[in-house]
Amino acid sequence: MRSVAPLFIVLTTLTACSTGDTALIDLRIATFNIAMGLPEAGQLGQNLANGQEPHLQQVAEILQRVRPDIVVLNEFDYDPVYHAADLLNEHYLAKSWNGQPTIQYLYSFRGPVNTGLDSGLDLDGNGKTGEPQDAWGYGSFPGQYGMLVLSRFPIRQEATRTFQHFPWSALPAAQRPLNPDGSSYYPDDIWQQLRLSSKSHWDLLIGVNGHDLHFLVHHPTPPVFDGPEDRNGKRNHDENRFWIGYLGRADRNYIVDDKGGTGGLDKGALFVIAGDLNADPMDGDSVSGKLNEDTHDSASTASAIGQLLAFPLINATCTPLSSGGREASIVQGGKNRQHKGDPAADTADFNDEHVGNLRLDYVLPSRNIAVRGCGVFWPAQGEEGHHLVDASDHRLVWLDISL
């Protein structure tokens, strides 16, 4: 059985426990934005191949310390030329960093994303095309800020569903950005072509202990870097809302994957949503608004992430915490002093007078999964692993479950 000490991760191994005639297996699922969206195409592949990149060495040590069984790495550039998972396993995870036991992942998934993929359109209306802001998702080259999933359990590649091409306008009640005068920010012809995912939405079917676990990962755009039309804020809101229609809604024919398959998950399916969702429940710039009718709570209001945290099929009762997040909020001060949320729940360290630290990274299981614990890898000063907190401006978030 995995466990954690109050202030730092305790190394443990995967174990099975028995309750009556039912054998359960404990596993740890994590998300980690490793901030490896590098400025040049091919740069990440070169760093993976040479085994000498200090940033990747720190990432490897964090994975060795926390030891997730399934993890999604956000901001991990997609480059089909390199076998990213093999190189990461061989040159970083198979080596011990600061005395940590090595770890290997036999299974992985990566795929193309919308970031840096030129739309051929003038998406920001400045009269120019081919700029990073004219890509389907902001980026300087195709694959920048991509995603990689690593797993110790088999990923059923043939059953995987991706939604890279799903149109934003196809989402019911889509929050179409409007100018201050009420006109549409995007002309009709562009609006009909726009893709919802700034990267992609993936449904990976992973076999665990005889169960089919749907690992639902995405990385929506941050709700900033726009204007009064709030196009990024609204896109972030709807990228997160996509899963609400997908969960337990097998007959939703508006949901069309990249292979042409329709509908969402069957009722009772086991799932975990994970990723850097770029939305804080109480602070930051994400959109607030009335919950979608799928929540069965039309009187409630929620932020972009609140619509997921309050959704009946999701168990959000375990809030990951760290001592480092609380310490950083006190030491850095600034905007943190105005925040309403618990700083121990923060997962992103922006150390910025205008933003402060936020809770942006989530691992959210379905209600039919037994949750055993959760946490944020953010050791405070003097705690084991504190030297790794600068590996990224985000922190790894983990969830312990039993299947």
Protein backbone atom coordinates (compact mmCIF):
# COMPACT_ATOMS: atom_id res chain seq x y z
CA MET A 1 0.00 0.00 0.00
CA ARG A 2 1.41 3.38 -0.96
CA SER A 3 1.72 6.07 1.63
CA VAL A 4 3.13 9.56 1.96
CA ALA A 5 4.69 11.31 4.89
CA PRO A 6 3.22 14.69 5.84
CA LEU A 7 5.99 16.64 4.16
CA PHE A 8 7.57 14.51 1.48
CA ILE A 9 7.03 11.47 -0.69
CA VAL A 10 7.98 8.09 0.78
CA LEU A 11 9.29 5.59 -1.77
CA THR A 12 6.99 2.62 -2.11
CA THR A 13 6.32 -0.21 -4.50
CA LEU A 14 3.18 -1.33 -6.28
CA THR A 15 1.33 -3.82 -4.12
CA ALA A 16 -1.86 -5.84 -4.22
CA CYS A 17 -4.22 -6.10 -1.30
CA SER A 18 -7.13 -8.45 -0.79
CA THR A 19 -10.60 -7.56 0.44
CA GLY A 20 -12.66 -10.73 0.70
CA ASP A 21 -12.55 -12.48 -2.66
CA THR A 22 -11.68 -9.32 -4.59
CA ALA A 23 -8.02 -8.58 -5.24
CA LEU A 24 -7.30 -4.87 -5.49
CA ILE A 25 -4.24 -3.25 -6.95
CA ASP A 26 -3.00 0.15 -5.77
CA LEU A 27 -1.60 2.53 -8.31
CA ARG A 28 -0.45 6.12 -8.49
CA ILE A 29 -1.56 8.39 -11.32
CA ALA A 30 0.07 11.76 -11.93
CA THR A 31 0.22 14.84 -14.10
CA PHE A 32 3.31 16.97 -14.55
CA ASN A 33 3.79 20.03 -16.75
CA ILE A 34 7.54 19.79 -17.24
CA ALA A 35 7.88 23.08 -19.17
CA MET A 36 9.79 21.53 -22.06
CA GLY A 37 8.05 23.52 -24.78
CA LEU A 38 11.40 24.47 -26.30
CA PRO A 39 11.94 27.34 -28.78
CA GLU A 40 13.17 25.21 -31.68
CA ALA A 41 11.79 22.13 -33.40
CA GLY A 42 13.89 19.01 -32.76
CA GLN A 43 15.58 20.45 -29.69
CA LEU A 44 13.81 18.16 -27.24
CA GLY A 45 14.68 15.09 -29.28
CA GLN A 46 18.35 16.04 -29.23
CA ASN A 47 18.23 16.58 -25.48
CA LEU A 48 16.58 13.20 -25.00
CA ALA A 49 19.20 11.48 -27.11
CA ASN A 50 22.28 12.98 -25.44
CA GLY A 51 21.19 12.25 -21.87
CA GLN A 52 22.92 15.38 -20.58
CA GLU A 53 20.09 17.90 -20.23
CA PRO A 54 19.92 19.07 -16.57
CA HIS A 55 16.21 19.90 -16.78
CA LEU A 56 15.36 16.37 -17.93
CA GLN A 57 17.60 14.93 -15.24
CA GLN A 58 15.53 16.80 -12.64
CA VAL A 59 12.30 15.59 -14.22
CA ALA A 60 13.63 12.03 -14.11
CA GLU A 61 14.56 12.36 -10.43
CA ILE A 62 11.08 13.64 -9.57
CA LEU A 63 9.50 10.68 -11.36
CA GLN A 64 11.89 8.35 -9.52
CA ARG A 65 10.92 9.89 -6.18
CA VAL A 66 7.15 9.97 -6.70
CA ARG A 67 7.04 6.77 -8.80
CA PRO A 68 3.71 7.19 -10.61
CA ASP A 69 2.43 4.15 -12.47
CA ILE A 70 0.69 6.32 -15.07
CA VAL A 71 1.67 9.91 -15.80
CA VAL A 72 0.94 12.54 -18.42
CA LEU A 73 3.76 14.98 -19.14
CA ASN A 74 2.49 18.31 -20.45
CA GLU A 75 4.65 20.70 -22.49
CA PHE A 76 6.62 17.78 -23.89
CA ASP A 77 7.19 18.65 -27.55
CA TYR A 78 5.79 16.17 -30.08
CA ASP A 79 8.38 15.19 -32.68
CA PRO A 80 7.64 11.99 -34.65
CA VAL A 81 11.29 11.73 -35.71
CA TYR A 82 12.34 10.68 -32.20
CA HIS A 83 11.11 7.75 -30.11
CA ALA A 84 10.61 10.05 -27.15
CA ALA A 85 9.54 7.51 -24.53
CA ASP A 86 12.35 5.09 -25.41
CA LEU A 87 14.95 7.84 -25.19
CA LEU A 88 13.55 9.16 -21.91
CA ASN A 89 13.57 5.64 -20.46
CA GLU A 90 17.07 4.81 -21.65
CA HIS A 91 18.97 8.04 -21.05
CA TYR A 92 17.22 9.46 -18.00
CA LEU A 93 14.82 7.15 -16.13
CA ALA A 94 17.16 4.12 -16.30
CA LYS A 95 19.86 6.13 -14.55
CA SER A 96 19.82 6.83 -10.83
CA TRP A 97 19.75 10.51 -9.91
CA ASN A 98 20.94 11.43 -6.42
CA GLY A 99 20.62 7.87 -5.27
CA GLN A 100 17.01 7.35 -6.36
CA PRO A 101 15.95 3.92 -7.68
CA THR A 102 15.47 3.82 -11.42
CA ILE A 103 12.04 3.50 -13.01
CA GLN A 104 10.89 2.30 -16.42
CA TYR A 105 7.68 2.62 -18.40
CA LEU A 106 7.00 -0.16 -20.90
CA TYR A 107 4.04 1.60 -22.48
CA SER A 108 3.57 5.10 -23.81
CA PHE A 109 1.39 7.24 -26.04
CA ARG A 110 2.09 10.40 -27.96
CA GLY A 111 0.31 12.02 -30.86
CA PRO A 112 0.08 15.17 -32.95
CA VAL A 113 -1.31 18.30 -31.34
CA ASN A 114 -2.73 21.58 -32.62
CA THR A 115 -0.02 23.80 -31.15
CA GLY A 116 2.16 25.32 -33.85
CA LEU A 117 0.07 23.72 -36.61
CA ASP A 118 -0.62 26.54 -39.06
CA SER A 119 -4.32 27.07 -39.75
CA GLY A 120 -3.71 29.09 -42.89
CA LEU A 121 -6.12 31.66 -41.44
CA ASP A 122 -5.73 35.04 -39.80
CA LEU A 123 -7.00 33.96 -36.41
CA ASP A 124 -6.06 37.10 -34.49
CA GLY A 125 -7.36 39.51 -37.13
CA ASN A 126 -4.14 41.48 -37.55
CA GLY A 127 -4.07 41.12 -41.33
CA LYS A 128 -1.25 38.56 -41.30
CA THR A 129 -1.16 34.77 -41.50
CA GLY A 130 1.44 32.16 -40.59
CA GLU A 131 2.28 33.63 -37.19
CA PRO A 132 2.34 31.55 -33.96
CA GLN A 133 -1.03 33.02 -32.97
CA ASP A 134 -2.50 31.83 -36.28
CA ALA A 135 -1.82 28.18 -35.50
CA TRP A 136 -4.77 26.03 -34.36
CA GLY A 137 -3.09 26.23 -30.96
CA TYR A 138 -0.49 28.89 -30.18
CA GLY A 139 3.01 27.70 -31.06
CA SER A 140 6.07 28.41 -33.18
CA PHE A 141 6.27 24.95 -34.78
CA PRO A 142 4.07 21.86 -35.02
CA GLY A 143 4.19 19.80 -31.84
CA GLN A 144 5.41 22.52 -29.50
CA TYR A 145 3.92 22.15 -26.00
CA GLY A 146 2.77 18.60 -26.78
CA MET A 147 1.92 15.72 -24.44
CA LEU A 148 3.42 12.34 -23.57
CA VAL A 149 1.76 9.61 -21.51
CA LEU A 150 3.92 7.00 -19.76
CA SER A 151 2.39 3.86 -18.24
CA ARG A 152 3.46 0.68 -16.48
CA PHE A 153 0.25 -0.90 -17.72
CA PRO A 154 -0.73 -1.74 -21.32
CA ILE A 155 -2.32 1.03 -23.40
CA ARG A 156 -4.80 -0.35 -25.92
CA GLN A 157 -3.64 1.69 -28.89
CA GLU A 158 -6.44 0.42 -31.14
CA ALA A 159 -9.07 1.68 -28.69
CA THR A 160 -7.50 5.11 -28.19
CA ARG A 161 -9.60 8.10 -29.18
CA THR A 162 -8.24 11.55 -29.98
CA PHE A 163 -10.14 14.77 -30.61
CA GLN A 164 -7.52 17.03 -32.16
CA HIS A 165 -9.85 18.10 -34.98
CA PHE A 166 -13.10 18.49 -33.01
CA PRO A 167 -14.65 21.89 -33.96
CA TRP A 168 -15.24 24.38 -31.19
CA SER A 169 -18.54 25.35 -32.78
CA ALA A 170 -19.77 21.71 -32.49
CA LEU A 171 -19.77 21.92 -28.69
CA PRO A 172 -23.32 22.68 -27.49
CA ALA A 173 -23.63 26.20 -26.06
CA ALA A 174 -20.06 26.99 -27.12
CA GLN A 175 -18.82 30.26 -25.67
CA ARG A 176 -18.19 32.11 -28.92
CA PRO A 177 -15.94 35.12 -28.27
CA LEU A 178 -17.64 38.47 -28.80
CA ASN A 179 -16.31 41.97 -29.30
CA PRO A 180 -17.40 44.71 -26.84
CA ASP A 181 -20.06 45.83 -29.36
CA GLY A 182 -21.60 42.36 -29.39
CA SER A 183 -20.29 41.29 -32.77
CA SER A 184 -18.45 38.00 -33.16
CA TYR A 185 -14.69 38.19 -32.75
CA TYR A 186 -14.29 35.38 -35.30
CA PRO A 187 -16.04 35.73 -38.68
CA ASP A 188 -18.48 32.91 -39.43
CA ASP A 189 -16.21 31.12 -41.89
CA ILE A 190 -13.35 31.04 -39.35
CA TRP A 191 -15.61 30.14 -36.42
CA GLN A 192 -16.86 27.06 -38.25
CA GLN A 193 -13.27 25.86 -38.81
CA LEU A 194 -11.76 26.60 -35.40
CA ARG A 195 -10.68 23.58 -33.40
CA LEU A 196 -11.64 23.33 -29.74
CA SER A 197 -8.43 21.75 -28.45
CA SER A 198 -5.41 24.00 -28.25
CA LYS A 199 -3.38 20.75 -28.05
CA SER A 200 -5.72 17.74 -28.15
CA HIS A 201 -8.09 15.70 -26.02
CA TRP A 202 -7.12 12.03 -25.60
CA ASP A 203 -9.04 9.06 -24.25
CA LEU A 204 -6.46 6.33 -23.63
CA LEU A 205 -7.79 2.92 -22.65
CA ILE A 206 -5.40 1.33 -20.15
CA GLY A 207 -5.75 -2.21 -18.87
CA VAL A 208 -5.26 -2.39 -15.08
CA ASN A 209 -5.95 -5.49 -13.02
CA GLY A 210 -8.62 -6.72 -15.43
CA HIS A 211 -10.29 -3.29 -15.61
CA ASP A 212 -10.51 -0.84 -18.51
CA LEU A 213 -9.39 2.56 -17.22
CA HIS A 214 -10.02 5.57 -19.44
CA PHE A 215 -7.17 8.05 -19.00
CA LEU A 216 -8.61 11.36 -20.21
CA VAL A 217 -5.88 13.93 -20.78
CA HIS A 218 -5.76 17.42 -22.22
CA HIS A 219 -3.95 20.73 -21.73
CA PRO A 220 -6.21 23.71 -22.49
CA THR A 221 -4.93 27.14 -23.38
CA PRO A 222 -4.28 29.54 -20.48
CA PRO A 223 -7.15 32.05 -20.09
CA VAL A 224 -4.91 35.06 -20.75
CA PHE A 225 -2.96 36.69 -23.60
CA ASP A 226 -6.10 37.98 -25.33
CA GLY A 227 -8.33 41.05 -25.25
CA PRO A 228 -11.81 42.10 -24.10
CA GLU A 229 -13.33 39.31 -26.22
CA ASP A 230 -11.68 36.83 -23.81
CA ARG A 231 -11.14 34.31 -26.59
CA ASN A 232 -8.56 32.31 -24.62
CA GLY A 233 -10.59 32.40 -21.43
CA LYS A 234 -13.67 31.11 -23.21
CA ARG A 235 -11.69 28.48 -25.07
CA ASN A 236 -10.15 27.29 -21.81
CA HIS A 237 -13.63 27.05 -20.29
CA ASP A 238 -14.98 25.00 -23.19
CA GLU A 239 -11.89 22.79 -23.50
CA ASN A 240 -12.50 21.75 -19.90
CA ARG A 241 -16.26 21.46 -20.50
CA PHE A 242 -15.72 18.99 -23.34
CA TRP A 243 -15.35 16.13 -20.86
CA ILE A 244 -18.69 16.89 -19.20
CA GLY A 245 -20.55 15.92 -22.35
CA TYR A 246 -18.21 12.99 -22.90
CA LEU A 247 -18.66 11.32 -19.53
CA GLY A 248 -21.41 8.78 -19.32
CA ARG A 249 -22.98 10.01 -22.55
CA ALA A 250 -22.56 7.22 -25.09
CA ASP A 251 -25.32 8.63 -27.32
CA ARG A 252 -23.83 12.10 -27.78
CA ASN A 253 -23.48 12.07 -31.58
CA TYR A 254 -22.04 15.59 -31.70
CA ILE A 255 -18.87 14.10 -30.20
CA VAL A 256 -16.81 12.91 -33.16
CA ASP A 257 -13.24 11.65 -32.74
CA ASP A 258 -10.43 11.92 -35.26
CA LYS A 259 -11.31 8.48 -36.70
CA GLY A 260 -14.96 9.39 -37.19
CA GLY A 261 -16.26 7.54 -34.14
CA THR A 262 -19.13 9.17 -32.27
CA GLY A 263 -20.40 9.35 -28.70
CA GLY A 264 -18.82 9.44 -25.26
CA LEU A 265 -18.19 6.98 -22.44
CA ASP A 266 -20.61 4.26 -21.47
CA LYS A 267 -22.38 4.61 -18.16
CA GLY A 268 -20.27 3.28 -15.30
CA ALA A 269 -16.95 3.50 -17.15
CA LEU A 270 -13.85 3.98 -14.98
CA PHE A 271 -11.96 7.16 -15.81
CA VAL A 272 -9.35 9.61 -14.58
CA ILE A 273 -9.03 13.14 -16.00
CA ALA A 274 -5.48 14.50 -15.81
CA GLY A 275 -3.46 17.44 -17.04
CA ASP A 276 -2.50 21.06 -16.64
CA LEU A 277 -6.03 22.45 -16.95
CA ASN A 278 -4.96 26.10 -16.61
CA ALA A 279 -7.86 27.02 -14.31
CA ASP A 280 -7.91 27.77 -10.58
CA PRO A 281 -11.15 27.22 -8.62
CA MET A 282 -10.99 30.58 -6.85
CA ASP A 283 -8.20 32.76 -8.23
CA GLY A 284 -6.67 33.73 -11.57
CA ASP A 285 -8.36 34.71 -14.82
CA SER A 286 -10.41 31.67 -15.84
CA VAL A 287 -14.05 32.12 -16.87
CA SER A 288 -16.90 31.84 -14.38
CA GLY A 289 -20.43 31.04 -15.48
CA LYS A 290 -23.55 28.93 -15.11
CA LEU A 291 -22.92 25.20 -15.06
CA ASN A 292 -23.88 23.21 -18.14
CA GLU A 293 -27.20 21.39 -17.96
CA ASP A 294 -25.27 18.10 -17.87
CA THR A 295 -24.41 18.80 -14.23
CA HIS A 296 -28.08 18.52 -13.23
CA ASP A 297 -27.55 21.66 -11.11
CA SER A 298 -28.71 24.60 -13.18
CA ALA A 299 -28.83 26.91 -10.16
CA SER A 300 -25.10 26.61 -9.49
CA THR A 301 -22.30 28.71 -10.85
CA ALA A 302 -18.71 27.64 -11.27
CA SER A 303 -15.41 28.60 -12.76
CA ALA A 304 -13.90 26.84 -15.77
CA ILE A 305 -12.54 24.14 -13.45
CA GLY A 306 -15.48 24.30 -11.05
CA GLN A 307 -17.72 22.72 -13.68
CA LEU A 308 -15.53 19.60 -13.47
CA LEU A 309 -15.02 19.66 -9.70
CA ALA A 310 -18.79 19.82 -9.18
CA PHE A 311 -19.78 17.26 -11.82
CA PRO A 312 -21.63 14.32 -10.22
CA LEU A 313 -19.59 11.60 -11.94
CA ILE A 314 -16.26 13.06 -10.73
CA ASN A 315 -14.81 12.54 -7.25
CA ALA A 316 -12.99 15.75 -6.35
CA THR A 317 -13.01 15.21 -2.60
CA CYS A 318 -9.25 14.64 -2.31
CA THR A 319 -7.54 18.01 -2.73
CA PRO A 320 -3.77 17.57 -3.28
CA LEU A 321 -1.72 19.67 -0.84
CA SER A 322 1.92 20.47 -0.12
CA SER A 323 3.89 22.30 2.52
CA GLY A 324 6.01 23.95 -0.18
CA GLY A 325 3.03 25.68 -1.75
CA ARG A 326 2.04 27.26 1.54
CA GLU A 327 5.63 28.33 2.23
CA ALA A 328 6.10 29.85 -1.24
CA SER A 329 2.94 31.92 -0.89
CA ILE A 330 4.21 33.46 2.34
CA VAL A 331 7.77 34.03 1.14
CA GLN A 332 6.80 35.47 -2.25
CA GLY A 333 3.85 37.55 -1.07
CA GLY A 334 2.62 39.89 -3.82
CA LYS A 335 -0.59 38.76 -5.50
CA ASN A 336 -0.63 35.69 -3.27
CA ARG A 337 -1.80 37.88 -0.39
CA GLN A 338 -5.03 38.59 -2.28
CA HIS A 339 -5.82 34.99 -3.20
CA LYS A 340 -8.84 33.27 -1.70
CA GLY A 341 -7.72 29.68 -2.27
CA ASP A 342 -5.62 27.58 0.08
CA PRO A 343 -1.97 28.11 -1.00
CA ALA A 344 -1.17 24.54 0.05
CA ALA A 345 -3.30 23.45 -2.94
CA ASP A 346 -1.30 25.54 -5.44
CA THR A 347 0.44 23.59 -8.19
CA ALA A 348 2.02 26.38 -10.25
CA ASP A 349 4.74 28.70 -8.96
CA PHE A 350 4.70 31.89 -10.99
CA ASN A 351 6.30 34.10 -8.30
CA ASP A 352 4.74 37.09 -10.00
CA GLU A 353 3.38 40.30 -8.51
CA HIS A 354 0.48 40.27 -10.99
CA VAL A 355 -0.48 36.56 -11.00
CA GLY A 356 0.77 34.74 -7.93
CA ASN A 357 0.73 30.98 -7.48
CA LEU A 358 -2.31 28.99 -8.61
CA ARG A 359 -3.90 25.56 -8.57
CA LEU A 360 -3.83 24.56 -12.24
CA ASP A 361 -2.93 20.85 -12.39
CA TYR A 362 -5.44 18.09 -11.63
CA VAL A 363 -5.94 14.35 -11.40
CA LEU A 364 -9.70 13.75 -11.11
CA PRO A 365 -11.11 10.20 -10.83
CA SER A 366 -14.60 8.90 -11.43
CA ARG A 367 -16.78 8.33 -8.36
CA ASN A 368 -16.70 4.57 -8.85
CA ILE A 369 -12.93 4.47 -8.14
CA ALA A 370 -11.60 4.07 -4.60
CA VAL A 371 -9.31 7.00 -3.76
CA ARG A 372 -6.53 6.35 -1.23
CA GLY A 373 -4.73 9.68 -1.17
CA CYS A 374 -3.31 12.56 -3.21
CA GLY A 375 -0.62 15.22 -3.04
CA VAL A 376 1.59 17.78 -4.72
CA PHE A 377 5.34 17.28 -5.01
CA TRP A 378 6.41 20.66 -3.64
CA PRO A 379 8.83 20.12 -0.74
CA ALA A 380 9.44 23.14 1.48
CA GLN A 381 12.94 24.30 2.41
CA GLY A 382 14.75 21.69 4.45
CA GLU A 383 12.58 18.84 3.14
CA GLU A 384 13.84 16.03 0.96
CA GLY A 385 13.61 16.92 -2.73
CA HIS A 386 13.45 20.70 -2.26
CA HIS A 387 16.37 21.10 -4.69
CA LEU A 388 14.01 19.98 -7.47
CA VAL A 389 11.33 22.66 -7.16
CA ASP A 390 12.86 24.75 -9.96
CA ALA A 391 12.60 21.90 -12.48
CA SER A 392 9.39 23.52 -13.78
CA ASP A 393 7.03 26.35 -12.93
CA HIS A 394 4.47 23.58 -12.30
CA ARG A 395 4.56 20.82 -9.72
CA LEU A 396 3.78 17.14 -10.19
CA VAL A 397 0.34 16.23 -8.79
CA TRP A 398 -0.44 12.63 -7.87
CA LEU A 399 -3.46 10.55 -6.92
CA ASP A 400 -3.46 7.10 -5.30
CA ILE A 401 -6.34 4.81 -6.22
CA SER A 402 -7.29 1.13 -5.98
CA LEU A 403 -8.77 -0.96 -8.80
